[in-house]
Amino acid sequence: MSREKKYWKSEVELSNSVDITDLKHNEFQEKLPIDLEMSDELVQSSTNRRDFLKYLGFSTSAAILASCEGPVHRSVPYVIQPERIRPGIANYYATTMFDGYDAANILVKNT
């Protein structure tokens, strides 16, 4: 009993005919040039998948945190308060929203 497991994808591969094995070996006639260039670098690389995922997660979270800004908590009081603006009373504005082909009338409530 061999320790090497043999996996197959179809019944044709299971029957292990000579035609199929010849086709498997001749499926790709020559290696791609990029495979030849990168294969030596990848074999000698000491980075494994786990380290790659750590670095990827760290860089993604750092980019997300760097893109977030804190809320601006500045309020400038009125020197002369406009007559139509009263604290606690909502203001309503009529406007339109245009969506490429259609326009819709909207009543906006500003509190």
Protein backbone atom coordinates (compact mmCIF):
# COMPACT_ATOMS: atom_id res chain seq x y z
CA MET A 1 0.00 0.00 0.00
CA SER A 2 1.53 3.31 -1.06
CA ARG A 3 1.42 6.35 1.17
CA GLU A 4 1.04 8.75 -1.73
CA LYS A 5 -2.61 9.61 -2.34
CA LYS A 6 -3.72 9.75 -5.95
CA TYR A 7 -6.57 12.07 -6.78
CA TRP A 8 -8.60 11.91 -9.96
CA LYS A 9 -11.16 14.26 -11.49
CA SER A 10 -13.10 11.94 -13.76
CA GLU A 11 -13.62 8.30 -14.56
CA VAL A 12 -11.32 8.64 -17.55
CA GLU A 13 -8.45 9.60 -15.25
CA LEU A 14 -9.38 6.78 -12.91
CA SER A 15 -9.04 4.23 -15.71
CA ASN A 16 -5.55 5.68 -16.31
CA SER A 17 -5.39 5.08 -20.05
CA VAL A 18 -2.21 5.79 -22.00
CA ASP A 19 -3.85 8.49 -24.13
CA ILE A 20 -4.79 10.56 -21.09
CA THR A 21 -1.32 10.42 -19.55
CA ASP A 22 0.23 11.52 -22.86
CA LEU A 23 -2.20 14.42 -23.08
CA LYS A 24 -1.43 15.46 -19.51
CA HIS A 25 2.29 15.67 -20.15
CA ASN A 26 1.83 17.60 -23.41
CA GLU A 27 -0.85 19.96 -22.17
CA PHE A 28 1.54 22.91 -21.86
CA GLN A 29 4.23 22.72 -24.50
CA GLU A 30 6.67 25.15 -22.91
CA LYS A 31 6.91 27.13 -19.71
CA LEU A 32 5.98 30.77 -19.74
CA PRO A 33 8.93 33.19 -19.47
CA ILE A 34 7.54 34.72 -16.30
CA ASP A 35 7.45 31.31 -14.65
CA LEU A 36 11.15 30.86 -15.30
CA GLU A 37 12.03 34.29 -13.92
CA MET A 38 9.93 34.08 -10.78
CA SER A 39 10.48 30.44 -9.93
CA ASP A 40 14.01 30.96 -8.58
CA GLU A 41 12.95 33.92 -6.46
CA LEU A 42 9.96 32.09 -5.03
CA VAL A 43 11.94 28.98 -4.17
CA GLN A 44 14.54 30.99 -2.27
CA SER A 45 11.97 33.18 -0.52
CA SER A 46 11.68 32.75 3.24
CA THR A 47 8.25 34.40 3.46
CA ASN A 48 5.38 32.00 3.96
CA ARG A 49 1.66 32.43 3.47
CA ARG A 50 0.97 33.20 7.10
CA ASP A 51 3.41 36.11 7.15
CA PHE A 52 1.98 37.43 3.90
CA LEU A 53 -1.54 37.44 5.36
CA LYS A 54 -0.28 39.20 8.50
CA TYR A 55 1.32 41.96 6.46
CA LEU A 56 -1.72 42.24 4.22
CA GLY A 57 -4.06 42.55 7.20
CA PHE A 58 -1.84 45.10 8.92
CA SER A 59 -1.45 47.27 5.83
CA THR A 60 -5.19 47.14 5.08
CA SER A 61 -6.14 48.12 8.62
CA ALA A 62 -3.51 50.89 8.65
CA ALA A 63 -4.87 52.28 5.39
CA ILE A 64 -8.43 52.21 6.72
CA LEU A 65 -7.46 53.94 9.96
CA ALA A 66 -5.43 56.56 8.10
CA SER A 67 -8.36 57.39 5.87
CA CYS A 68 -10.71 58.04 8.80
CA GLU A 69 -10.93 61.56 10.11
CA GLY A 70 -12.26 62.61 13.44
CA PRO A 71 -15.40 64.70 13.51
CA VAL A 72 -14.96 68.46 13.54
CA HIS A 73 -16.53 69.90 16.70
CA ARG A 74 -16.33 73.60 15.98
CA SER A 75 -19.31 75.85 16.15
CA VAL A 76 -19.18 79.50 15.28
CA PRO A 77 -21.90 81.56 16.94
CA TYR A 78 -23.90 84.13 15.01
CA VAL A 79 -22.89 87.73 15.49
CA ILE A 80 -26.36 88.73 14.32
CA GLN A 81 -28.76 85.80 14.29
CA PRO A 82 -30.92 85.56 11.15
CA GLU A 83 -34.59 86.08 11.81
CA ARG A 84 -35.75 82.87 10.13
CA ILE A 85 -33.46 80.58 12.16
CA ARG A 86 -34.68 79.71 15.65
CA PRO A 87 -33.09 77.05 17.87
CA GLY A 88 -35.37 74.03 18.30
CA ILE A 89 -37.69 74.93 15.40
CA ALA A 90 -37.24 73.04 12.13
CA ASN A 91 -36.74 74.84 8.82
CA TYR A 92 -38.19 73.39 5.63
CA TYR A 93 -36.69 73.85 2.18
CA ALA A 94 -38.16 72.80 -1.16
CA THR A 95 -35.64 71.41 -3.63
CA THR A 96 -35.31 68.88 -6.43
CA MET A 97 -33.20 65.80 -6.91
CA PHE A 98 -32.08 64.94 -10.43
CA ASP A 99 -31.18 61.30 -11.19
CA GLY A 100 -29.97 61.20 -14.78
CA TYR A 101 -33.40 60.95 -16.45
CA ASP A 102 -35.88 61.80 -13.72
CA ALA A 103 -36.31 64.73 -11.37
CA ALA A 104 -38.11 64.48 -8.04
CA ASN A 105 -39.47 67.24 -5.82
CA ILE A 106 -38.22 67.00 -2.25
CA LEU A 107 -39.13 68.79 0.95
CA VAL A 108 -36.05 68.92 3.21
CA LYS A 109 -36.35 69.34 6.96
CA ASN A 110 -33.38 71.04 8.61
CA THR A 111 -33.40 70.86 12.42
